[in-house]
Structure formats: structure tokens, C-alpha cells
Amino acid sequence: MKVGLLAVDGMKLRGNASQHANRDYRRIVEELLEEAERVDREEDERFGKDQRGDELPEQLRTAQTRRAALRRAKLELDGEHDQDSYEDPPGDDDDRGSGMKLDVERLAAGPEGRRGWLRDAHDQLDAYRAANPRPVPRSRRERLLEGKRLLEQEHQALIEANAAYEAYRARGVMKDGRRFGRPPDPFVPPQIPEGSVNITDPDSRNLKCPRGYKQGYNAQAVVNEQQIVIAAEINADSPDLGHLEPTVTAARRQLRKIGILNKPEIVVADAGYWHNEQMDQLAAQGIPLLIPPDAGKRKTARPGWEGGRYTWMRYLLATETGHRLYRKRQATVEPVFGQTVFNRKLTRFHRRGRAAVHSEWRLIASTHNRQPAEATQPPNSHRRAVRGR
């Protein structure tokens, strides 16, 4: 296996969820109330309106039966202590907080402006969720509660980031020492969470695609010139922006696990991966990059994308060597996606939740690496049978 040229790309795959299962906060609360009313009606029919439905069971109504039940429960607990103890996953407590501590210093080091602070806070929350995935509940009521919790997390992160920005502006001095020219535009956070969440797979998103939208995930892959998938990662963002450095880092981590310490000779990606900070981080590690600053559909440069690194990258791609290397991107990573979707018919994920989908995508990539070239062609006997029919 060679680690010369690595190509990075992503494709959107449908999840095990429907677009019609997306709900906003108000609708989730309404469905929870409707569910509670339905349960109340069923309990009234079962227990009668004179009883509340929370009366003690028959075996716990006397002191003697309670002592016997407690004795049995103690024996069961003692038996469980002899086995491996189970630890609750992070963030699995009863409160509805995110469990994440907002990194205000990172917010201040980012772009100026309230919008940049709020966007960075959302990115921090998304990274925290990726590092602390939760299984998707089976019951509809629990999935509604999970969707409600996720929207409340995002709302709380927005409130905290806005408060941090207001405190930063109250200082009157920018991070570079200059004074602010005018007061910030007035902004009041919404009283209830905005946005929507899918109650079938709360981790999936309604992703924008060239031909409409897909409820699913953005499957990322790092592939070498032998069309071997080095890393297979998952995110729930429509654009590939912001996923260059994490994906390349994941590829280097996988290579180190099998004893390959060589750095990639060059990394190629399409214009959607252009990210100044992440490109600087990879360049500081000694990894050359070839990423066009302009999408193929654009006839002119983006406004403000002139001079400096933009002009330098356009010059590199126009050279004979740069053009030859970048042309390998399409012939390296695109066939992997074509083989996966069109030949193997793997057009959607079957599992739910970020962690489960990540495992499934890695399994798909692993079986691609194991598949011999002749496996894509039917045997001669099969072709003869087809001709006979």
C-alpha cells in the first residue's frame, strides 16, 4: 500500500429516516402532550377514573410482602455487583443540559461578529455530540424526548454564546487592541428553540444535494491511488467545508495504527474543502495541498478571493505538474463512490444514530477494500445463463 497521493471527498447517503419525520420544538411538545393524554385515557379505561393508576401493586401492599420483595431485590443487586459494572454514557443524566462547557477563548479567537460566535458555538456543540454519541431510543415517546433535548441544547448554546459576545463587546476593545467603531446590532435570543430535528434518527439532517435534499449523512472518505479507503468518517453537514483537517487527521491516525508513519506526499480535494485555517494547519505539518479556490461551475473568482494564497493556488493548478496531480483526484476517489452506490447498491444506511452509522460506513469501506477486482463481474456461467434467458 502506498501513501503518496491521498484524495478526500464526500457523498450524501440517505439515513434510516424520512424527511417527513422532521419536527420543530412546538410540534414535538404538542405530540408529547397528545401522547400523555392518550396514556391518561388508557389508564382511566384500565383502572377507572376513581383510581390514579399509581397505586402500589398487590405484592407490595402489606409489610410482609414488601420485606420479601426487598429481600429478592437485594439478592439480584448482589448478583449484578459480581458482574462488570455498567457506566452511563456521558450526558445521559436526567437534566436537559448539553454537558458541554463552551470554550469562550475559542469564540474570541474566531471571526469578529455575533454571527461568527454563534456559528462557532454550534460547531463546538456538534463536535461534543460527535465525541459523545447516544444510542437512538426505540420507543417513539423516548425519541420525541431526545429530539426535544437536542433542540434545547442548541438553544442553550446560542444563549451562552450570545451572552459571551455581549460581554466581549462590553469591553470596548477588539482582540487586536482596536476599539469598536459602533455598538453591536440589537439581538434578542428566541424564547423557544428554533430549527427542527428528525424524531426517527435525531442525528441525521436534511442535507442539500445537487438534485434536491436527502435525510441522512455526509459520508467522507480518504482514498489513495490504489483506491484503498484509508479513513471513513461521518458528519451531518451539507457542505464539506470544515472537514478537511479532521478527515486527513483521521487518515493519518489509521495509518499509524498499522505502522505506516509516512506523511502523505500530497492531498487533493475539490473546492468545497477550501478552509484557510485548516489548510494552514496541514501545511504546518508538512503536507502539501492541491485545492482549487474556485468551483468548476464558476467562470470568475469569488468576490474577495484574489491575491495571496488564492492566486498562488491557481498558479500551481495551472502548471503541468499541478494539473496532472489534481486530475488524479477524480480517478481516485470518485470510482470508490461509484462502486459503492451503483455497483453494490449501498444507497442508504440501515442503522440509526451517529455512532451506529459511523460503524456502518466503516464496514462498507472495509468490505470495499477486501473486494477483489473480479468480484464486480459476474462469472462466465452466470453470463451464459443470462444470455440463455
Protein backbone atom coordinates (compact mmCIF):
# COMPACT_ATOMS: atom_id res chain seq x y z
CA MET A 1 0.00 0.00 0.00
CA LYS A 2 1.27 3.46 -0.93
CA VAL A 3 0.70 6.73 0.89
CA GLY A 4 1.66 9.08 -1.90
CA LEU A 5 -1.34 11.00 -3.15
CA LEU A 6 -4.47 10.99 -0.98
CA ALA A 7 -7.83 12.21 -2.28
CA VAL A 8 -10.56 13.50 0.04
CA ASP A 9 -14.22 13.64 -0.90
CA GLY A 10 -17.70 13.06 0.48
CA MET A 11 -21.12 11.93 -0.69
CA LYS A 12 -24.58 12.18 0.82
CA LEU A 13 -26.27 8.90 1.72
CA ARG A 14 -29.83 8.56 2.93
CA GLY A 15 -30.35 7.53 6.51
CA ASN A 16 -32.91 5.22 8.03
CA ALA A 17 -35.34 8.11 8.41
CA SER A 18 -37.82 10.11 6.38
CA GLN A 19 -37.85 13.83 5.66
CA HIS A 20 -41.44 13.87 6.89
CA ALA A 21 -40.28 12.90 10.39
CA ASN A 22 -38.67 16.33 10.99
CA ARG A 23 -40.38 18.28 13.78
CA ASP A 24 -39.87 21.72 15.27
CA TYR A 25 -39.96 22.35 19.02
CA ARG A 26 -43.62 23.32 19.18
CA ARG A 27 -44.73 20.24 17.27
CA ILE A 28 -42.63 17.94 19.49
CA VAL A 29 -44.19 19.41 22.63
CA GLU A 30 -47.66 19.05 21.11
CA GLU A 31 -47.05 15.39 20.28
CA LEU A 32 -45.72 14.73 23.79
CA LEU A 33 -48.88 16.28 25.27
CA GLU A 34 -51.06 14.26 22.90
CA GLU A 35 -49.20 11.12 23.97
CA ALA A 36 -49.71 11.98 27.64
CA GLU A 37 -53.45 12.47 27.06
CA ARG A 38 -53.67 9.13 25.27
CA VAL A 39 -51.92 7.38 28.17
CA ASP A 40 -54.30 9.07 30.64
CA ARG A 41 -57.32 7.83 28.70
CA GLU A 42 -55.95 4.29 28.58
CA GLU A 43 -55.26 4.33 32.32
CA ASP A 44 -58.77 5.61 33.01
CA GLU A 45 -60.20 2.75 30.97
CA ARG A 46 -57.91 0.25 32.69
CA PHE A 47 -58.05 1.41 36.32
CA GLY A 48 -61.18 3.54 36.36
CA LYS A 49 -61.42 7.27 36.99
CA ASP A 50 -61.58 6.78 40.77
CA GLN A 51 -58.04 5.36 40.83
CA ARG A 52 -54.97 7.33 39.85
CA GLY A 53 -53.10 4.43 38.26
CA ASP A 54 -50.03 4.76 40.51
CA GLU A 55 -51.33 2.58 43.35
CA LEU A 56 -48.96 0.01 44.79
CA PRO A 57 -49.05 -3.43 43.17
CA GLU A 58 -50.76 -6.22 45.06
CA GLN A 59 -47.44 -7.81 46.14
CA LEU A 60 -46.30 -4.55 47.83
CA ARG A 61 -49.39 -3.56 49.77
CA THR A 62 -48.52 -5.31 53.06
CA ALA A 63 -45.38 -5.07 55.20
CA GLN A 64 -44.69 -8.79 54.85
CA THR A 65 -44.84 -8.81 51.05
CA ARG A 66 -42.75 -5.63 50.88
CA ARG A 67 -39.99 -7.21 53.01
CA ALA A 68 -39.97 -10.29 50.75
CA ALA A 69 -39.76 -8.12 47.62
CA LEU A 70 -36.91 -6.06 49.08
CA ARG A 71 -35.08 -9.25 50.02
CA ARG A 72 -35.34 -10.54 46.44
CA ALA A 73 -34.23 -7.18 45.05
CA LYS A 74 -31.15 -7.18 47.32
CA LEU A 75 -30.16 -10.65 46.13
CA GLU A 76 -30.49 -9.52 42.49
CA LEU A 77 -28.35 -6.44 43.15
CA ASP A 78 -25.68 -8.50 44.87
CA GLY A 79 -25.57 -10.75 41.82
CA GLU A 80 -25.19 -7.76 39.49
CA HIS A 81 -22.27 -6.40 41.52
CA ASP A 82 -20.39 -9.60 40.80
CA GLN A 83 -20.53 -8.79 37.08
CA ASP A 84 -18.92 -5.91 35.24
CA SER A 85 -20.43 -2.62 36.30
CA TYR A 86 -22.23 -0.53 33.73
CA GLU A 87 -21.39 3.16 33.44
CA ASP A 88 -23.90 5.56 32.00
CA PRO A 89 -22.71 7.22 28.80
CA PRO A 90 -21.65 10.87 29.06
CA GLY A 91 -24.56 13.28 29.03
CA ASP A 92 -27.08 10.57 29.97
CA ASP A 93 -28.24 12.36 33.08
CA ASP A 94 -31.81 13.45 33.74
CA ASP A 95 -31.22 17.15 33.19
CA ARG A 96 -31.54 18.68 29.77
CA GLY A 97 -28.20 20.48 29.73
CA SER A 98 -25.74 19.78 26.96
CA GLY A 99 -22.99 18.64 29.32
CA MET A 100 -20.62 20.79 27.26
CA LYS A 101 -18.68 23.74 28.59
CA LEU A 102 -18.49 26.44 25.97
CA ASP A 103 -14.93 27.43 25.06
CA VAL A 104 -15.18 31.21 25.19
CA GLU A 105 -11.49 31.69 24.34
CA ARG A 106 -12.01 29.81 21.10
CA LEU A 107 -15.01 32.01 20.33
CA ALA A 108 -12.95 35.14 20.92
CA ALA A 109 -10.14 33.82 18.71
CA GLY A 110 -12.55 33.23 15.83
CA PRO A 111 -14.03 35.73 13.41
CA GLU A 112 -15.42 39.03 14.62
CA GLY A 113 -19.17 39.45 14.72
CA ARG A 114 -22.05 37.89 16.57
CA ARG A 115 -22.88 35.54 13.70
CA GLY A 116 -19.40 34.02 13.79
CA TRP A 117 -19.62 33.47 17.56
CA LEU A 118 -23.00 31.76 17.30
CA ARG A 119 -21.82 29.58 14.41
CA ASP A 120 -18.67 28.58 16.32
CA ALA A 121 -20.75 27.70 19.39
CA HIS A 122 -22.92 25.44 17.22
CA ASP A 123 -19.75 23.79 15.83
CA GLN A 124 -18.49 23.17 19.38
CA LEU A 125 -21.79 21.55 20.32
CA ASP A 126 -21.73 19.38 17.19
CA ALA A 127 -18.16 18.26 17.97
CA TYR A 128 -19.20 17.43 21.53
CA ARG A 129 -22.10 15.32 20.26
CA ALA A 130 -19.79 13.50 17.84
CA ALA A 131 -17.41 12.69 20.70
CA ASN A 132 -20.27 11.62 23.00
CA PRO A 133 -22.80 9.80 20.79
CA ARG A 134 -26.01 8.44 22.27
CA PRO A 135 -27.99 5.45 21.01
CA VAL A 136 -31.31 6.23 19.36
CA PRO A 137 -34.22 5.16 21.63
CA ARG A 138 -36.63 2.54 20.33
CA SER A 139 -39.93 3.97 21.54
CA ARG A 140 -41.48 6.97 19.80
CA ARG A 141 -42.01 8.82 23.08
CA GLU A 142 -38.33 8.50 24.00
CA ARG A 143 -37.31 9.71 20.55
CA LEU A 144 -39.57 12.73 20.94
CA LEU A 145 -37.92 13.47 24.29
CA GLU A 146 -34.49 13.07 22.68
CA GLY A 147 -35.40 15.48 19.89
CA LYS A 148 -36.68 17.97 22.46
CA ARG A 149 -33.43 17.63 24.41
CA LEU A 150 -31.28 18.24 21.30
CA LEU A 151 -33.18 21.39 20.36
CA GLU A 152 -32.89 22.66 23.94
CA GLN A 153 -29.14 22.01 23.81
CA GLU A 154 -28.78 24.14 20.69
CA HIS A 155 -30.91 26.87 22.23
CA GLN A 156 -28.81 26.90 25.40
CA ALA A 157 -25.57 27.05 23.39
CA LEU A 158 -26.96 30.02 21.44
CA ILE A 159 -27.89 31.86 24.65
CA GLU A 160 -24.46 31.24 26.22
CA ALA A 161 -22.59 32.28 23.07
CA ASN A 162 -24.66 35.45 22.76
CA ALA A 163 -24.02 36.35 26.42
CA ALA A 164 -20.29 35.80 25.89
CA TYR A 165 -20.36 38.03 22.81
CA GLU A 166 -22.20 40.78 24.67
CA ALA A 167 -19.58 40.62 27.45
CA TYR A 168 -16.80 40.76 24.84
CA ARG A 169 -18.31 43.84 23.19
CA ALA A 170 -18.82 45.50 26.58
CA ARG A 171 -15.04 45.66 26.93
CA GLY A 172 -14.99 48.10 24.02
CA VAL A 173 -11.73 46.71 22.60
CA MET A 174 -11.20 44.13 19.85
CA LYS A 175 -8.81 41.21 20.21
CA ASP A 176 -6.18 43.13 18.20
CA GLY A 177 -6.41 46.14 20.52
CA ARG A 178 -8.53 48.41 18.31
CA ARG A 179 -11.70 49.97 19.65
CA PHE A 180 -15.10 49.11 18.26
CA GLY A 181 -16.48 51.75 15.94
CA ARG A 182 -20.16 51.38 16.82
CA PRO A 183 -22.35 49.43 19.21
CA PRO A 184 -23.49 45.97 18.10
CA ASP A 185 -26.81 45.48 16.38
CA PRO A 186 -29.58 44.67 18.86
CA PHE A 187 -30.28 40.96 19.18
CA VAL A 188 -32.63 39.04 21.46
CA PRO A 189 -32.33 35.24 21.50
CA PRO A 190 -35.59 33.43 20.72
CA GLN A 191 -37.66 32.37 23.71
CA ILE A 192 -38.02 28.78 22.48
CA PRO A 193 -35.60 26.67 20.41
CA GLU A 194 -35.65 27.21 16.68
CA GLY A 195 -34.91 24.73 13.91
CA SER A 196 -36.10 21.15 13.64
CA VAL A 197 -34.94 17.63 14.43
CA ASN A 198 -35.79 14.25 12.97
CA ILE A 199 -37.61 12.11 15.54
CA THR A 200 -36.75 8.85 13.74
CA ASP A 201 -32.98 9.46 13.66
CA PRO A 202 -32.24 12.65 15.63
CA ASP A 203 -28.59 12.71 14.47
CA SER A 204 -29.46 12.79 10.77
CA ARG A 205 -30.04 16.02 8.85
CA ASN A 206 -31.91 17.14 5.76
CA LEU A 207 -28.88 17.64 3.52
CA LYS A 208 -28.88 19.74 0.37
CA CYS A 209 -27.80 17.79 -2.71
CA PRO A 210 -27.41 18.68 -6.39
CA ARG A 211 -30.85 17.16 -7.02
CA GLY A 212 -32.87 18.24 -4.02
CA TYR A 213 -32.49 17.08 -0.42
CA LYS A 214 -31.69 13.83 1.39
CA GLN A 215 -32.41 12.98 5.01
CA GLY A 216 -29.17 11.34 6.00
CA TYR A 217 -25.45 11.84 6.47
CA ASN A 218 -22.40 13.16 4.64
CA ALA A 219 -20.04 10.17 4.25
CA GLN A 220 -16.39 11.24 3.97
CA ALA A 221 -13.57 9.11 2.56
CA VAL A 222 -9.81 9.43 2.18
CA VAL A 223 -8.55 7.24 -0.69
CA ASN A 224 -5.07 6.54 -2.05
CA GLU A 225 -4.12 5.97 -5.68
CA GLN A 226 -4.83 2.25 -5.34
CA GLN A 227 -8.45 3.14 -4.47
CA ILE A 228 -7.97 1.85 -0.93
CA VAL A 229 -10.08 3.72 1.62
CA ILE A 230 -7.72 4.94 4.35
CA ALA A 231 -10.33 6.68 6.52
CA ALA A 232 -14.13 6.70 6.52
CA GLU A 233 -15.77 9.44 8.59
CA ILE A 234 -19.31 10.72 9.08
CA ASN A 235 -20.85 14.15 9.58
CA ALA A 236 -24.30 15.65 9.18
CA ASP A 237 -23.41 18.85 7.30
CA SER A 238 -24.45 19.66 3.75
CA PRO A 239 -21.17 21.34 2.73
CA ASP A 240 -17.75 19.71 3.01
CA LEU A 241 -16.37 22.97 4.39
CA GLY A 242 -14.61 22.45 7.71
CA HIS A 243 -13.97 18.72 7.29
CA LEU A 244 -10.60 18.76 5.52
CA GLU A 245 -8.27 18.70 8.55
CA PRO A 246 -10.37 16.28 10.69
CA THR A 247 -10.64 13.80 7.82
CA VAL A 248 -6.91 13.92 6.93
CA THR A 249 -6.05 13.62 10.63
CA ALA A 250 -8.27 10.53 10.85
CA ALA A 251 -6.43 9.05 7.86
CA ARG A 252 -3.04 9.61 9.48
CA ARG A 253 -4.34 8.09 12.70
CA GLN A 254 -5.46 4.95 10.84
CA LEU A 255 -2.12 4.71 9.07
CA ARG A 256 -0.21 4.92 12.34
CA LYS A 257 -2.32 2.06 13.71
CA ILE A 258 -0.93 -0.26 11.03
CA GLY A 259 2.63 1.01 11.42
CA ILE A 260 2.81 3.45 8.49
CA LEU A 261 4.38 6.69 9.71
CA ASN A 262 5.00 8.32 6.32
CA LYS A 263 3.27 11.61 5.67
CA PRO A 264 1.13 11.94 2.55
CA GLU A 265 3.15 13.33 -0.31
CA ILE A 266 0.16 15.43 -1.35
CA VAL A 267 -3.56 15.75 -0.53
CA VAL A 268 -6.08 16.73 -3.20
CA ALA A 269 -9.69 17.80 -2.70
CA ASP A 270 -12.33 19.80 -4.54
CA ALA A 271 -13.18 23.46 -3.95
CA GLY A 272 -15.75 22.65 -1.26
CA TYR A 273 -12.93 21.80 1.18
CA TRP A 274 -11.18 25.18 0.96
CA HIS A 275 -10.66 26.32 4.55
CA ASN A 276 -7.85 28.78 5.27
CA GLU A 277 -7.17 27.78 8.87
CA GLN A 278 -7.29 24.03 8.29
CA MET A 279 -5.10 24.32 5.19
CA ASP A 280 -2.56 26.26 7.27
CA GLN A 281 -2.62 23.54 9.95
CA LEU A 282 -1.94 20.78 7.44
CA ALA A 283 0.75 22.82 5.67
CA ALA A 284 2.44 23.36 9.07
CA GLN A 285 2.61 19.55 9.37
CA GLY A 286 4.49 19.38 6.06
CA ILE A 287 1.55 18.10 3.97
CA PRO A 288 1.23 19.77 0.53
CA LEU A 289 -2.29 20.51 -0.66
CA LEU A 290 -3.95 21.00 -4.03
CA ILE A 291 -7.42 22.50 -3.61
CA PRO A 292 -8.87 24.86 -6.21
CA PRO A 293 -10.28 28.05 -4.70
CA ASP A 294 -12.98 28.20 -7.38
CA ALA A 295 -15.71 25.67 -8.06
CA GLY A 296 -15.83 24.22 -11.55
CA LYS A 297 -19.10 26.00 -12.35
CA ARG A 298 -17.69 29.45 -11.63
CA LYS A 299 -16.31 31.44 -14.54
CA THR A 300 -14.79 34.12 -12.33
CA ALA A 301 -13.17 34.19 -8.90
CA ARG A 302 -15.26 34.60 -5.80
CA PRO A 303 -15.52 38.18 -4.56
CA GLY A 304 -12.53 38.92 -2.33
CA TRP A 305 -10.72 35.72 -3.30
CA GLU A 306 -7.91 37.41 -5.18
CA GLY A 307 -4.20 37.67 -4.49
CA GLY A 308 -2.20 35.84 -1.83
CA ARG A 309 -2.88 32.15 -1.43
CA TYR A 310 -5.76 32.20 -3.92
CA THR A 311 -3.62 33.40 -6.81
CA TRP A 312 -0.77 31.09 -5.76
CA MET A 313 -3.03 28.01 -5.74
CA ARG A 314 -4.47 28.91 -9.15
CA TYR A 315 -0.90 29.19 -10.45
CA LEU A 316 0.03 25.77 -9.03
CA LEU A 317 -3.03 24.11 -10.56
CA ALA A 318 -2.23 25.70 -13.93
CA THR A 319 1.26 24.18 -14.03
CA GLU A 320 1.78 20.88 -15.83
CA THR A 321 2.63 19.02 -12.61
CA GLY A 322 -0.20 20.57 -10.62
CA HIS A 323 -2.74 19.86 -13.34
CA ARG A 324 -1.55 16.24 -13.66
CA LEU A 325 -1.72 15.62 -9.91
CA TYR A 326 -5.13 17.21 -9.43
CA ARG A 327 -6.60 15.20 -12.31
CA LYS A 328 -5.89 12.08 -10.25
CA ARG A 329 -8.48 13.16 -7.67
CA GLN A 330 -11.46 12.26 -9.83
CA ALA A 331 -9.91 8.95 -10.91
CA THR A 332 -9.01 8.06 -7.32
CA VAL A 333 -11.97 8.74 -5.05
CA GLU A 334 -14.94 9.00 -7.43
CA PRO A 335 -14.74 5.33 -8.55
CA VAL A 336 -14.96 4.27 -4.90
CA PHE A 337 -18.27 6.09 -4.52
CA GLY A 338 -19.49 4.76 -7.87
CA GLN A 339 -18.61 1.20 -6.90
CA THR A 340 -20.37 1.64 -3.56
CA VAL A 341 -23.60 3.22 -4.78
CA PHE A 342 -24.18 1.92 -8.30
CA ASN A 343 -22.49 -1.49 -8.34
CA ARG A 344 -23.01 -2.58 -4.72
CA LYS A 345 -26.38 -0.76 -4.40
CA LEU A 346 -25.47 0.69 -0.99
CA THR A 347 -27.62 3.79 -1.37
CA ARG A 348 -28.68 4.30 2.26
CA PHE A 349 -27.71 3.49 5.82
CA HIS A 350 -29.70 0.90 7.72
CA ARG A 351 -28.74 1.87 11.26
CA ARG A 352 -29.70 4.97 13.24
CA GLY A 353 -27.57 7.39 15.24
CA ARG A 354 -24.19 8.94 14.52
CA ALA A 355 -22.13 6.19 16.18
CA ALA A 356 -24.06 3.35 14.53
CA VAL A 357 -23.91 4.99 11.10
CA HIS A 358 -20.18 5.63 11.53
CA SER A 359 -19.65 1.92 12.20
CA GLU A 360 -21.76 1.01 9.17
CA TRP A 361 -19.82 3.38 6.88
CA ARG A 362 -16.51 1.91 8.09
CA LEU A 363 -17.84 -1.59 7.42
CA ILE A 364 -18.80 -0.54 3.88
CA ALA A 365 -15.31 0.91 3.34
CA SER A 366 -13.63 -2.19 4.76
CA THR A 367 -15.57 -4.54 2.50
CA HIS A 368 -14.69 -2.32 -0.45
CA ASN A 369 -11.00 -2.73 0.39
CA ARG A 370 -11.41 -6.52 0.70
CA GLN A 371 -13.31 -6.95 -2.54
CA PRO A 372 -11.22 -8.35 -5.44
CA ALA A 373 -11.48 -6.67 -8.80
CA GLU A 374 -13.05 -9.71 -10.48
CA ALA A 375 -15.89 -9.70 -7.93
CA THR A 376 -17.54 -6.82 -9.77
CA GLN A 377 -18.00 -9.01 -12.87
CA PRO A 378 -20.38 -11.98 -12.93
CA PRO A 379 -18.78 -15.38 -13.63
CA ASN A 380 -18.94 -16.89 -17.13
CA SER A 381 -21.60 -19.40 -16.13
CA HIS A 382 -23.81 -16.57 -14.87
CA ARG A 383 -23.35 -14.61 -18.10
CA ARG A 384 -24.26 -17.67 -20.16
CA ALA A 385 -27.38 -18.15 -18.02
CA VAL A 386 -28.35 -14.52 -18.60
CA ARG A 387 -27.92 -14.90 -22.36
CA GLY A 388 -29.97 -18.10 -22.26
CA ARG A 389 -32.92 -16.32 -20.60
